[in-house]
Amino acid sequence: MDYEKELTKLKDLLDQAKGMKYKAEARLEQLKNMEDEIVKELDELGIKPENLEVEIERLKNDIESLVKEANELLPKDILGK
């Protein structure tokens, strides 16, 4: 067995793993910053992160209601439909 080749191979693999670790740490930091920014925006809107799903559902219902109301207000007889 060629120990020098094996050690070189292991060193290369270790360097590759370190590079992957640094990239993962940088990405994690980026994601944490994005999360902080989103939480800040939600706070400015007066929405707590734990209530986000309820707020999304409320907004979805509001949009559906407004679209329905807009469709009902369109003069369909004039538009030929």
PDB file of N, CA and C in Angstrom:
ATOM      1  N   MET A   1       0.854  -1.176   0.000  1.00  0.00           N
ATOM      2  CA  MET A   1       0.000   0.000   0.000  1.00  0.00           C
ATOM      3  C   MET A   1       0.901   1.241   0.000  1.00  0.00           C
ATOM      4  N   ASP A   2       0.506   2.214  -0.823  1.00  0.00           N
ATOM      5  CA  ASP A   2       1.260   3.465  -0.920  1.00  0.00           C
ATOM      6  C   ASP A   2       0.641   4.467   0.062  1.00  0.00           C
ATOM      7  N   TYR A   3       1.280   4.572   1.221  1.00  0.00           N
ATOM      8  CA  TYR A   3       0.737   5.431   2.280  1.00  0.00           C
ATOM      9  C   TYR A   3       0.737   6.899   1.887  1.00  0.00           C
ATOM     10  N   GLU A   4       1.697   7.312   1.134  1.00  0.00           N
ATOM     11  CA  GLU A   4       1.775   8.717   0.724  1.00  0.00           C
ATOM     12  C   GLU A   4       0.581   9.080  -0.162  1.00  0.00           C
ATOM     13  N   LYS A   5       0.221   8.198  -1.084  1.00  0.00           N
ATOM     14  CA  LYS A   5      -0.946   8.438  -1.939  1.00  0.00           C
ATOM     15  C   LYS A   5      -2.221   8.460  -1.115  1.00  0.00           C
ATOM     16  N   GLU A   6      -2.323   7.525  -0.189  1.00  0.00           N
ATOM     17  CA  GLU A   6      -3.510   7.463   0.671  1.00  0.00           C
ATOM     18  C   GLU A   6      -3.634   8.724   1.518  1.00  0.00           C
ATOM     19  N   LEU A   7      -2.520   9.181   2.085  1.00  0.00           N
ATOM     20  CA  LEU A   7      -2.543  10.398   2.896  1.00  0.00           C
ATOM     21  C   LEU A   7      -2.896  11.612   2.050  1.00  0.00           C
ATOM     22  N   THR A   8      -2.371  11.674   0.832  1.00  0.00           N
ATOM     23  CA  THR A   8      -2.706  12.772  -0.076  1.00  0.00           C
ATOM     24  C   THR A   8      -4.186  12.749  -0.424  1.00  0.00           C
ATOM     25  N   LYS A   9      -4.700  11.551  -0.684  1.00  0.00           N
ATOM     26  CA  LYS A   9      -6.117  11.392  -0.997  1.00  0.00           C
ATOM     27  C   LYS A   9      -6.980  11.830   0.186  1.00  0.00           C
ATOM     28  N   LEU A  10      -6.608  11.407   1.376  1.00  0.00           N
ATOM     29  CA  LEU A  10      -7.351  11.792   2.578  1.00  0.00           C
ATOM     30  C   LEU A  10      -7.287  13.296   2.808  1.00  0.00           C
ATOM     31  N   LYS A  11      -6.121  13.894   2.572  1.00  0.00           N
ATOM     32  CA  LYS A  11      -5.970  15.341   2.731  1.00  0.00           C
ATOM     33  C   LYS A  11      -6.862  16.078   1.734  1.00  0.00           C
ATOM     34  N   ASP A  12      -6.901  15.604   0.498  1.00  0.00           N
ATOM     35  CA  ASP A  12      -7.762  16.221  -0.515  1.00  0.00           C
ATOM     36  C   ASP A  12      -9.235  16.131  -0.126  1.00  0.00           C
ATOM     37  N   LEU A  13      -9.619  14.967   0.364  1.00  0.00           N
ATOM     38  CA  LEU A  13     -11.003  14.787   0.804  1.00  0.00           C
ATOM     39  C   LEU A  13     -11.328  15.685   1.990  1.00  0.00           C
ATOM     40  N   LEU A  14     -10.376  15.818   2.906  1.00  0.00           N
ATOM     41  CA  LEU A  14     -10.566  16.689   4.062  1.00  0.00           C
ATOM     42  C   LEU A  14     -10.695  18.146   3.619  1.00  0.00           C
ATOM     43  N   ASP A  15      -9.859  18.569   2.678  1.00  0.00           N
ATOM     44  CA  ASP A  15      -9.948  19.935   2.155  1.00  0.00           C
ATOM     45  C   ASP A  15     -11.290  20.169   1.467  1.00  0.00           C
ATOM     46  N   GLN A  16     -11.742  19.181   0.732  1.00  0.00           N
ATOM     47  CA  GLN A  16     -13.036  19.284   0.059  1.00  0.00           C
ATOM     48  C   GLN A  16     -14.165  19.398   1.090  1.00  0.00           C
ATOM     49  N   ALA A  17     -14.083  18.595   2.134  1.00  0.00           N
ATOM     50  CA  ALA A  17     -15.101  18.635   3.192  1.00  0.00           C
ATOM     51  C   ALA A  17     -15.085  19.981   3.910  1.00  0.00           C
ATOM     52  N   LYS A  18     -13.894  20.536   4.149  1.00  0.00           N
ATOM     53  CA  LYS A  18     -13.800  21.851   4.786  1.00  0.00           C
ATOM     54  C   LYS A  18     -14.443  22.919   3.913  1.00  0.00           C
ATOM     55  N   GLY A  19     -14.186  22.841   2.611  1.00  0.00           N
ATOM     56  CA  GLY A  19     -14.796  23.797   1.688  1.00  0.00           C
ATOM     57  C   GLY A  19     -16.309  23.719   1.708  1.00  0.00           C
ATOM     58  N   MET A  20     -16.823  22.500   1.735  1.00  0.00           N
ATOM     59  CA  MET A  20     -18.270  22.305   1.804  1.00  0.00           C
ATOM     60  C   MET A  20     -18.827  22.842   3.116  1.00  0.00           C
ATOM     61  N   LYS A  21     -18.082  22.646   4.190  1.00  0.00           N
ATOM     62  CA  LYS A  21     -18.518  23.140   5.496  1.00  0.00           C
ATOM     63  C   LYS A  21     -18.585  24.655   5.490  1.00  0.00           C
ATOM     64  N   TYR A  22     -17.568  25.316   4.935  1.00  0.00           N
ATOM     65  CA  TYR A  22     -17.553  26.780   4.898  1.00  0.00           C
ATOM     66  C   TYR A  22     -18.701  27.314   4.049  1.00  0.00           C
ATOM     67  N   LYS A  23     -18.987  26.650   2.916  1.00  0.00           N
ATOM     68  CA  LYS A  23     -20.108  27.064   2.076  1.00  0.00           C
ATOM     69  C   LYS A  23     -21.428  26.895   2.815  1.00  0.00           C
ATOM     70  N   ALA A  24     -21.561  25.790   3.526  1.00  0.00           N
ATOM     71  CA  ALA A  24     -22.798  25.529   4.275  1.00  0.00           C
ATOM     72  C   ALA A  24     -22.973  26.553   5.390  1.00  0.00           C
ATOM     73  N   GLU A  25     -21.882  26.891   6.067  1.00  0.00           N
ATOM     74  CA  GLU A  25     -21.968  27.895   7.131  1.00  0.00           C
ATOM     75  C   GLU A  25     -22.348  29.260   6.568  1.00  0.00           C
ATOM     76  N   ALA A  26     -21.772  29.615   5.422  1.00  0.00           N
ATOM     77  CA  ALA A  26     -22.094  30.894   4.789  1.00  0.00           C
ATOM     78  C   ALA A  26     -23.562  30.918   4.369  1.00  0.00           C
ATOM     79  N   ARG A  27     -24.048  29.817   3.816  1.00  0.00           N
ATOM     80  CA  ARG A  27     -25.451  29.742   3.404  1.00  0.00           C
ATOM     81  C   ARG A  27     -26.376  29.811   4.611  1.00  0.00           C
ATOM     82  N   LEU A  28     -25.999  29.144   5.687  1.00  0.00           N
ATOM     83  CA  LEU A  28     -26.794  29.191   6.914  1.00  0.00           C
ATOM     84  C   LEU A  28     -26.882  30.619   7.436  1.00  0.00           C
ATOM     85  N   GLU A  29     -25.776  31.324   7.424  1.00  0.00           N
ATOM     86  CA  GLU A  29     -25.752  32.724   7.872  1.00  0.00           C
ATOM     87  C   GLU A  29     -26.660  33.572   6.976  1.00  0.00           C
ATOM     88  N   GLN A  30     -26.591  33.340   5.679  1.00  0.00           N
ATOM     89  CA  GLN A  30     -27.435  34.070   4.734  1.00  0.00           C
ATOM     90  C   GLN A  30     -28.916  33.803   5.015  1.00  0.00           C
ATOM     91  N   LEU A  31     -29.258  32.555   5.253  1.00  0.00           N
ATOM     92  CA  LEU A  31     -30.647  32.198   5.547  1.00  0.00           C
ATOM     93  C   LEU A  31     -31.116  32.797   6.869  1.00  0.00           C
ATOM     94  N   LYS A  32     -30.240  32.821   7.855  1.00  0.00           N
ATOM     95  CA  LYS A  32     -30.599  33.440   9.139  1.00  0.00           C
ATOM     96  C   LYS A  32     -30.861  34.928   8.959  1.00  0.00           C
ATOM     97  N   ASN A  33     -30.039  35.582   8.147  1.00  0.00           N
ATOM     98  CA  ASN A  33     -30.246  37.009   7.881  1.00  0.00           C
ATOM     99  C   ASN A  33     -31.578  37.245   7.167  1.00  0.00           C
ATOM    100  N   MET A  34     -31.895  36.359   6.217  1.00  0.00           N
ATOM    101  CA  MET A  34     -33.176  36.472   5.521  1.00  0.00           C
ATOM    102  C   MET A  34     -34.335  36.275   6.485  1.00  0.00           C
ATOM    103  N   GLU A  35     -34.202  35.305   7.372  1.00  0.00           N
ATOM    104  CA  GLU A  35     -35.252  35.057   8.364  1.00  0.00           C
ATOM    105  C   GLU A  35     -35.443  36.280   9.249  1.00  0.00           C
ATOM    106  N   ASP A  36     -34.343  36.864   9.704  1.00  0.00           N
ATOM    107  CA  ASP A  36     -34.427  38.058  10.545  1.00  0.00           C
ATOM    108  C   ASP A  36     -35.127  39.199   9.810  1.00  0.00           C
ATOM    109  N   GLU A  37     -34.819  39.367   8.528  1.00  0.00           N
ATOM    110  CA  GLU A  37     -35.439  40.423   7.732  1.00  0.00           C
ATOM    111  C   GLU A  37     -36.938  40.187   7.569  1.00  0.00           C
ATOM    112  N   ILE A  38     -37.315  38.937   7.336  1.00  0.00           N
ATOM    113  CA  ILE A  38     -38.733  38.603   7.189  1.00  0.00           C
ATOM    114  C   ILE A  38     -39.480  38.836   8.500  1.00  0.00           C
ATOM    115  N   VAL A  39     -38.877  38.424   9.602  1.00  0.00           N
ATOM    116  CA  VAL A  39     -39.504  38.636  10.915  1.00  0.00           C
ATOM    117  C   VAL A  39     -39.657  40.129  11.184  1.00  0.00           C
ATOM    118  N   LYS A  40     -38.656  40.906  10.804  1.00  0.00           N
ATOM    119  CA  LYS A  40     -38.717  42.370  10.973  1.00  0.00           C
ATOM    120  C   LYS A  40     -39.856  42.957  10.137  1.00  0.00           C
ATOM    121  N   GLU A  41     -39.979  42.514   8.881  1.00  0.00           N
ATOM    122  CA  GLU A  41     -41.056  42.998   8.024  1.00  0.00           C
ATOM    123  C   GLU A  41     -42.422  42.621   8.588  1.00  0.00           C
ATOM    124  N   LEU A  42     -42.541  41.389   9.067  1.00  0.00           N
ATOM    125  CA  LEU A  42     -43.799  40.960   9.666  1.00  0.00           C
ATOM    126  C   LEU A  42     -44.141  41.805  10.888  1.00  0.00           C
ATOM    127  N   ASP A  43     -43.135  42.107  11.688  1.00  0.00           N
ATOM    128  CA  ASP A  43     -43.337  42.929  12.870  1.00  0.00           C
ATOM    129  C   ASP A  43     -43.825  44.327  12.475  1.00  0.00           C
ATOM    130  N   GLU A  44     -43.238  44.873  11.400  1.00  0.00           N
ATOM    131  CA  GLU A  44     -43.668  46.191  10.921  1.00  0.00           C
ATOM    132  C   GLU A  44     -45.116  46.165  10.434  1.00  0.00           C
ATOM    133  N   LEU A  45     -45.563  45.007   9.960  1.00  0.00           N
ATOM    134  CA  LEU A  45     -46.942  44.846   9.507  1.00  0.00           C
ATOM    135  C   LEU A  45     -47.883  44.469  10.651  1.00  0.00           C
ATOM    136  N   GLY A  46     -47.316  44.257  11.823  1.00  0.00           N
ATOM    137  CA  GLY A  46     -48.123  43.893  12.983  1.00  0.00           C
ATOM    138  C   GLY A  46     -48.551  42.441  12.996  1.00  0.00           C
ATOM    139  N   ILE A  47     -47.763  41.597  12.332  1.00  0.00           N
ATOM    140  CA  ILE A  47     -48.095  40.170  12.255  1.00  0.00           C
ATOM    141  C   ILE A  47     -47.019  39.373  12.981  1.00  0.00           C
ATOM    142  N   LYS A  48     -47.472  38.501  13.857  1.00  0.00           N
ATOM    143  CA  LYS A  48     -46.526  37.637  14.552  1.00  0.00           C
ATOM    144  C   LYS A  48     -46.275  36.395  13.705  1.00  0.00           C
ATOM    145  N   PRO A  49     -45.030  35.914  13.658  1.00  0.00           N
ATOM    146  CA  PRO A  49     -44.716  34.738  12.829  1.00  0.00           C
ATOM    147  C   PRO A  49     -45.613  33.533  13.104  1.00  0.00           C
ATOM    148  N   GLU A  50     -45.996  33.345  14.358  1.00  0.00           N
ATOM    149  CA  GLU A  50     -46.839  32.189  14.681  1.00  0.00           C
ATOM    150  C   GLU A  50     -48.267  32.350  14.152  1.00  0.00           C
ATOM    151  N   ASN A  51     -48.653  33.578  13.783  1.00  0.00           N
ATOM    152  CA  ASN A  51     -49.990  33.826  13.235  1.00  0.00           C
ATOM    153  C   ASN A  51     -49.979  33.969  11.716  1.00  0.00           C
ATOM    154  N   LEU A  52     -48.868  33.687  11.111  1.00  0.00           N
ATOM    155  CA  LEU A  52     -48.708  33.913   9.679  1.00  0.00           C
ATOM    156  C   LEU A  52     -49.686  33.092   8.841  1.00  0.00           C
ATOM    157  N   GLU A  53     -49.860  31.823   9.162  1.00  0.00           N
ATOM    158  CA  GLU A  53     -50.776  30.987   8.383  1.00  0.00           C
ATOM    159  C   GLU A  53     -52.209  31.499   8.469  1.00  0.00           C
ATOM    160  N   VAL A  54     -52.619  31.951   9.644  1.00  0.00           N
ATOM    161  CA  VAL A  54     -53.970  32.500   9.817  1.00  0.00           C
ATOM    162  C   VAL A  54     -54.110  33.771   8.991  1.00  0.00           C
ATOM    163  N   GLU A  55     -53.093  34.607   9.011  1.00  0.00           N
ATOM    164  CA  GLU A  55     -53.118  35.860   8.248  1.00  0.00           C
ATOM    165  C   GLU A  55     -53.160  35.588   6.746  1.00  0.00           C
ATOM    166  N   ILE A  56     -52.404  34.615   6.280  1.00  0.00           N
ATOM    167  CA  ILE A  56     -52.414  34.248   4.856  1.00  0.00           C
ATOM    168  C   ILE A  56     -53.811  33.770   4.462  1.00  0.00           C
ATOM    169  N   GLU A  57     -54.423  32.946   5.281  1.00  0.00           N
ATOM    170  CA  GLU A  57     -55.772  32.442   4.985  1.00  0.00           C
ATOM    171  C   GLU A  57     -56.775  33.591   4.962  1.00  0.00           C
ATOM    172  N   ARG A  58     -56.642  34.533   5.887  1.00  0.00           N
ATOM    173  CA  ARG A  58     -57.545  35.694   5.930  1.00  0.00           C
ATOM    174  C   ARG A  58     -57.399  36.528   4.657  1.00  0.00           C
ATOM    175  N   LEU A  59     -56.165  36.770   4.253  1.00  0.00           N
ATOM    176  CA  LEU A  59     -55.919  37.555   3.038  1.00  0.00           C
ATOM    177  C   LEU A  59     -56.438  36.829   1.794  1.00  0.00           C
ATOM    178  N   LYS A  60     -56.260  35.516   1.764  1.00  0.00           N
ATOM    179  CA  LYS A  60     -56.761  34.720   0.638  1.00  0.00           C
ATOM    180  C   LYS A  60     -58.277  34.847   0.553  1.00  0.00           C
ATOM    181  N   ASN A  61     -58.956  34.756   1.684  1.00  0.00           N
ATOM    182  CA  ASN A  61     -60.411  34.884   1.701  1.00  0.00           C
ATOM    183  C   ASN A  61     -60.839  36.285   1.273  1.00  0.00           C
ATOM    184  N   ASP A  62     -60.111  37.307   1.726  1.00  0.00           N
ATOM    185  CA  ASP A  62     -60.415  38.680   1.327  1.00  0.00           C
ATOM    186  C   ASP A  62     -60.279  38.857  -0.185  1.00  0.00           C
ATOM    187  N   ILE A  63     -59.224  38.313  -0.755  1.00  0.00           N
ATOM    188  CA  ILE A  63     -58.994  38.419  -2.198  1.00  0.00           C
ATOM    189  C   ILE A  63     -60.113  37.720  -2.962  1.00  0.00           C
ATOM    190  N   GLU A  64     -60.451  36.508  -2.537  1.00  0.00           N
ATOM    191  CA  GLU A  64     -61.524  35.772  -3.207  1.00  0.00           C
ATOM    192  C   GLU A  64     -62.841  36.521  -3.139  1.00  0.00           C
ATOM    193  N   SER A  65     -63.116  37.121  -1.995  1.00  0.00           N
ATOM    194  CA  SER A  65     -64.346  37.884  -1.825  1.00  0.00           C
ATOM    195  C   SER A  65     -64.355  39.115  -2.726  1.00  0.00           C
ATOM    196  N   LEU A  66     -63.243  39.813  -2.805  1.00  0.00           N
ATOM    197  CA  LEU A  66     -63.167  41.008  -3.648  1.00  0.00           C
ATOM    198  C   LEU A  66     -63.255  40.667  -5.131  1.00  0.00           C
ATOM    199  N   VAL A  67     -62.650  39.565  -5.541  1.00  0.00           N
ATOM    200  CA  VAL A  67     -62.748  39.137  -6.938  1.00  0.00           C
ATOM    201  C   VAL A  67     -64.196  38.783  -7.277  1.00  0.00           C
ATOM    202  N   LYS A  68     -64.860  38.089  -6.376  1.00  0.00           N
ATOM    203  CA  LYS A  68     -66.263  37.723  -6.588  1.00  0.00           C
ATOM    204  C   LYS A  68     -67.120  38.988  -6.689  1.00  0.00           C
ATOM    205  N   GLU A  69     -66.881  39.936  -5.790  1.00  0.00           N
ATOM    206  CA  GLU A  69     -67.640  41.187  -5.809  1.00  0.00           C
ATOM    207  C   GLU A  69     -67.390  41.958  -7.102  1.00  0.00           C
ATOM    208  N   ALA A  70     -66.132  42.006  -7.550  1.00  0.00           N
ATOM    209  CA  ALA A  70     -65.814  42.705  -8.796  1.00  0.00           C
ATOM    210  C   ALA A  70     -66.519  42.051  -9.976  1.00  0.00           C
ATOM    211  N   ASN A  71     -66.535  40.723 -10.009  1.00  0.00           N
ATOM    212  CA  ASN A  71     -67.236  40.022 -11.091  1.00  0.00           C
ATOM    213  C   ASN A  71     -68.730  40.301 -11.085  1.00  0.00           C
ATOM    214  N   GLU A  72     -69.313  40.405  -9.905  1.00  0.00           N
ATOM    215  CA  GLU A  72     -70.743  40.684  -9.798  1.00  0.00           C
ATOM    216  C   GLU A  72     -71.066  42.106 -10.237  1.00  0.00           C
ATOM    217  N   LEU A  73     -70.137  43.024 -10.081  1.00  0.00           N
ATOM    218  CA  LEU A  73     -70.365  44.416 -10.435  1.00  0.00           C
ATOM    219  C   LEU A  73     -70.133  44.711 -11.923  1.00  0.00           C
ATOM    220  N   LEU A  74     -69.495  43.805 -12.620  1.00  0.00           N
ATOM    221  CA  LEU A  74     -69.264  44.015 -14.054  1.00  0.00           C
ATOM    222  C   LEU A  74     -70.584  43.954 -14.810  1.00  0.00           C
ATOM    223  N   PRO A  75     -70.808  44.881 -15.716  1.00  0.00           N
ATOM    224  CA  PRO A  75     -72.042  44.867 -16.510  1.00  0.00           C
ATOM    225  C   PRO A  75     -71.932  43.822 -17.623  1.00  0.00           C
ATOM    226  N   LYS A  76     -72.313  42.605 -17.319  1.00  0.00           N
ATOM    227  CA  LYS A  76     -72.137  41.505 -18.247  1.00  0.00           C
ATOM    228  C   LYS A  76     -73.013  41.667 -19.505  1.00  0.00           C
ATOM    229  N   ASP A  77     -74.149  42.319 -19.361  1.00  0.00           N
ATOM    230  CA  ASP A  77     -75.031  42.511 -20.527  1.00  0.00           C
ATOM    231  C   ASP A  77     -74.373  43.453 -21.537  1.00  0.00           C
ATOM    232  N   ILE A  78     -73.626  44.408 -21.082  1.00  0.00           N
ATOM    233  CA  ILE A  78     -72.941  45.333 -21.983  1.00  0.00           C
ATOM    234  C   ILE A  78     -71.732  44.678 -22.611  1.00  0.00           C
ATOM    235  N   LEU A  79     -71.062  43.839 -21.827  1.00  0.00           N
ATOM    236  CA  LEU A  79     -69.844  43.184 -22.300  1.00  0.00           C
ATOM    237  C   LEU A  79     -70.148  41.987 -23.202  1.00  0.00           C
ATOM    238  N   GLY A  80     -71.398  41.610 -23.315  1.00  0.00           N
ATOM    239  CA  GLY A  80     -71.783  40.513 -24.192  1.00  0.00           C
ATOM    240  C   GLY A  80     -71.517  39.135 -23.647  1.00  0.00           C
ATOM    241  N   LYS A  81     -71.551  39.002 -22.356  1.00  0.00           N
ATOM    242  CA  LYS A  81     -71.291  37.669 -21.772  1.00  0.00           C
ATOM    243  C   LYS A  81     -72.502  37.223 -21.010  1.00  0.00           C
TER     244      LYS A  81
END
